[in-house]
Amino acid sequence: MIAYVTQEDLRRWRAENRQDILHIIENEHAVWVGDHFISSFDGRYIHGCPFIMWDGDVCSCSIYETRPKVCRDYQAGSSELCSYWKPKERMATGSK
């Protein structure tokens, strides 16, 4: 599944003059594919979300207050890349 940013997201970022976000979307033509970005030009994997900031082992979103709808709708643990992810069979049996 490919989830692009919405027109609402783009309008909001233009109104907020968020050139940091618009540069990634417009110049890289980055699209969100499942749980990572790729370049729509050549399919090149864009390593990690460019808006995640790390401080040691703790991460945060540098655009949290204006993150795209795909991120607002994301359910923690719904992807193997998420540290909260658990295989369904482990969840069903209660195994660790």
C-alpha atoms as a PDB file:
ATOM      1  CA  MET A   1       0.000   0.000   0.000  1.00  0.00           C
ATOM      2  CA  ILE A   2       1.280   3.466  -0.852  1.00  0.00           C
ATOM      3  CA  ALA A   3      -0.022   6.314   1.279  1.00  0.00           C
ATOM      4  CA  TYR A   4       0.849   9.720  -0.095  1.00  0.00           C
ATOM      5  CA  VAL A   5       0.510  12.858   1.942  1.00  0.00           C
ATOM      6  CA  THR A   6      -2.896  14.367   1.525  1.00  0.00           C
ATOM      7  CA  GLN A   7      -3.726  17.610  -0.233  1.00  0.00           C
ATOM      8  CA  GLU A   8      -4.759  18.887   3.207  1.00  0.00           C
ATOM      9  CA  ASP A   9      -1.234  18.117   4.515  1.00  0.00           C
ATOM     10  CA  LEU A  10       0.347  19.975   1.584  1.00  0.00           C
ATOM     11  CA  ARG A  11      -1.948  23.002   2.014  1.00  0.00           C
ATOM     12  CA  ARG A  12      -1.163  23.141   5.737  1.00  0.00           C
ATOM     13  CA  TRP A  13       2.614  22.908   5.167  1.00  0.00           C
ATOM     14  CA  ARG A  14       2.510  25.630   2.511  1.00  0.00           C
ATOM     15  CA  ALA A  15       0.471  27.893   4.826  1.00  0.00           C
ATOM     16  CA  GLU A  16       2.956  27.171   7.654  1.00  0.00           C
ATOM     17  CA  ASN A  17       5.871  27.778   5.257  1.00  0.00           C
ATOM     18  CA  ARG A  18       7.336  24.380   6.210  1.00  0.00           C
ATOM     19  CA  GLN A  19      10.018  24.309   3.528  1.00  0.00           C
ATOM     20  CA  ASP A  20      11.823  21.536   5.442  1.00  0.00           C
ATOM     21  CA  ILE A  21       8.890  19.197   4.798  1.00  0.00           C
ATOM     22  CA  LEU A  22       8.012  20.467   1.341  1.00  0.00           C
ATOM     23  CA  HIS A  23      11.610  20.046   0.178  1.00  0.00           C
ATOM     24  CA  ILE A  24      11.540  16.317   0.984  1.00  0.00           C
ATOM     25  CA  ILE A  25       8.120  15.773  -0.576  1.00  0.00           C
ATOM     26  CA  GLU A  26       8.542  17.945  -3.662  1.00  0.00           C
ATOM     27  CA  ASN A  27      12.242  17.501  -4.495  1.00  0.00           C
ATOM     28  CA  GLU A  28      12.669  13.854  -3.576  1.00  0.00           C
ATOM     29  CA  HIS A  29       9.107  13.048  -4.602  1.00  0.00           C
ATOM     30  CA  ALA A  30       9.113  10.932  -1.467  1.00  0.00           C
ATOM     31  CA  VAL A  31       6.200   8.639  -0.883  1.00  0.00           C
ATOM     32  CA  TRP A  32       5.355   6.625   2.190  1.00  0.00           C
ATOM     33  CA  VAL A  33       5.260   2.893   1.436  1.00  0.00           C
ATOM     34  CA  GLY A  34       4.041   0.881   4.397  1.00  0.00           C
ATOM     35  CA  ASP A  35       6.575   1.956   6.993  1.00  0.00           C
ATOM     36  CA  HIS A  36       9.293   3.758   5.048  1.00  0.00           C
ATOM     37  CA  PHE A  37       9.862   6.452   2.424  1.00  0.00           C
ATOM     38  CA  ILE A  38      10.967   5.767  -1.142  1.00  0.00           C
ATOM     39  CA  SER A  39      11.802   8.138  -3.984  1.00  0.00           C
ATOM     40  CA  SER A  40       9.101   7.982  -6.644  1.00  0.00           C
ATOM     41  CA  PHE A  41      11.791   8.929  -9.191  1.00  0.00           C
ATOM     42  CA  ASP A  42      13.813   5.735  -8.914  1.00  0.00           C
ATOM     43  CA  GLY A  43      12.324   3.636  -6.100  1.00  0.00           C
ATOM     44  CA  ARG A  44      15.389   4.351  -3.956  1.00  0.00           C
ATOM     45  CA  TYR A  45      14.840   3.635  -0.268  1.00  0.00           C
ATOM     46  CA  ILE A  46      15.056   6.827   1.781  1.00  0.00           C
ATOM     47  CA  HIS A  47      16.601   5.530   4.983  1.00  0.00           C
ATOM     48  CA  GLY A  48      14.211   6.121   7.842  1.00  0.00           C
ATOM     49  CA  CYS A  49      11.923   9.040   8.273  1.00  0.00           C
ATOM     50  CA  PRO A  50      13.900  12.245   7.722  1.00  0.00           C
ATOM     51  CA  PHE A  51      11.942  13.883  10.524  1.00  0.00           C
ATOM     52  CA  ILE A  52      12.853  11.463  13.337  1.00  0.00           C
ATOM     53  CA  MET A  53      15.339  12.952  15.787  1.00  0.00           C
ATOM     54  CA  TRP A  54      17.431  10.701  18.042  1.00  0.00           C
ATOM     55  CA  ASP A  55      18.844  11.550  21.472  1.00  0.00           C
ATOM     56  CA  GLY A  56      20.657   8.413  22.566  1.00  0.00           C
ATOM     57  CA  ASP A  57      18.061   5.635  22.600  1.00  0.00           C
ATOM     58  CA  VAL A  58      15.090   8.033  22.600  1.00  0.00           C
ATOM     59  CA  CYS A  59      13.524   9.295  19.402  1.00  0.00           C
ATOM     60  CA  SER A  60      10.994  12.007  18.699  1.00  0.00           C
ATOM     61  CA  CYS A  61       9.271  13.487  15.682  1.00  0.00           C
ATOM     62  CA  SER A  62      10.640  16.880  14.661  1.00  0.00           C
ATOM     63  CA  ILE A  63       7.359  17.731  12.869  1.00  0.00           C
ATOM     64  CA  TYR A  64       4.983  16.126  15.371  1.00  0.00           C
ATOM     65  CA  GLU A  65       2.702  19.167  15.640  1.00  0.00           C
ATOM     66  CA  THR A  66       2.116  19.139  11.881  1.00  0.00           C
ATOM     67  CA  ARG A  67       2.827  15.502  10.971  1.00  0.00           C
ATOM     68  CA  PRO A  68       0.970  14.099   7.968  1.00  0.00           C
ATOM     69  CA  LYS A  69      -2.295  12.224   8.227  1.00  0.00           C
ATOM     70  CA  VAL A  70      -0.559   8.893   7.547  1.00  0.00           C
ATOM     71  CA  CYS A  71       1.451   9.417  10.742  1.00  0.00           C
ATOM     72  CA  ARG A  72      -1.520  10.662  12.773  1.00  0.00           C
ATOM     73  CA  ASP A  73      -3.441   7.539  11.754  1.00  0.00           C
ATOM     74  CA  TYR A  74      -0.518   5.136  12.395  1.00  0.00           C
ATOM     75  CA  GLN A  75      -1.171   2.586  15.134  1.00  0.00           C
ATOM     76  CA  ALA A  76       1.846   1.825  17.329  1.00  0.00           C
ATOM     77  CA  GLY A  77       2.850  -1.811  17.004  1.00  0.00           C
ATOM     78  CA  SER A  78       1.259  -2.296  13.579  1.00  0.00           C
ATOM     79  CA  SER A  79       4.641  -2.721  11.842  1.00  0.00           C
ATOM     80  CA  GLU A  80       7.596  -5.036  12.414  1.00  0.00           C
ATOM     81  CA  LEU A  81       9.780  -1.916  12.426  1.00  0.00           C
ATOM     82  CA  CYS A  82       8.004  -0.606  15.517  1.00  0.00           C
ATOM     83  CA  SER A  83       9.503  -1.571  18.881  1.00  0.00           C
ATOM     84  CA  TYR A  84       5.960  -2.305  20.133  1.00  0.00           C
ATOM     85  CA  TRP A  85       5.257  -4.841  17.355  1.00  0.00           C
ATOM     86  CA  LYS A  86       4.420  -8.386  18.416  1.00  0.00           C
ATOM     87  CA  PRO A  87       3.616 -11.282  16.089  1.00  0.00           C
ATOM     88  CA  LYS A  88      -0.090 -12.128  16.171  1.00  0.00           C
ATOM     89  CA  GLU A  89       0.554 -15.720  17.281  1.00  0.00           C
ATOM     90  CA  ARG A  90       2.546 -14.453  20.288  1.00  0.00           C
ATOM     91  CA  MET A  91      -0.169 -11.966  21.156  1.00  0.00           C
ATOM     92  CA  ALA A  92      -2.895 -14.645  20.935  1.00  0.00           C
ATOM     93  CA  THR A  93      -1.088 -17.148  23.154  1.00  0.00           C
ATOM     94  CA  GLY A  94       0.252 -14.583  25.576  1.00  0.00           C
ATOM     95  CA  SER A  95       3.809 -15.878  25.027  1.00  0.00           C
ATOM     96  CA  LYS A  96       6.798 -13.607  25.379  1.00  0.00           C
END
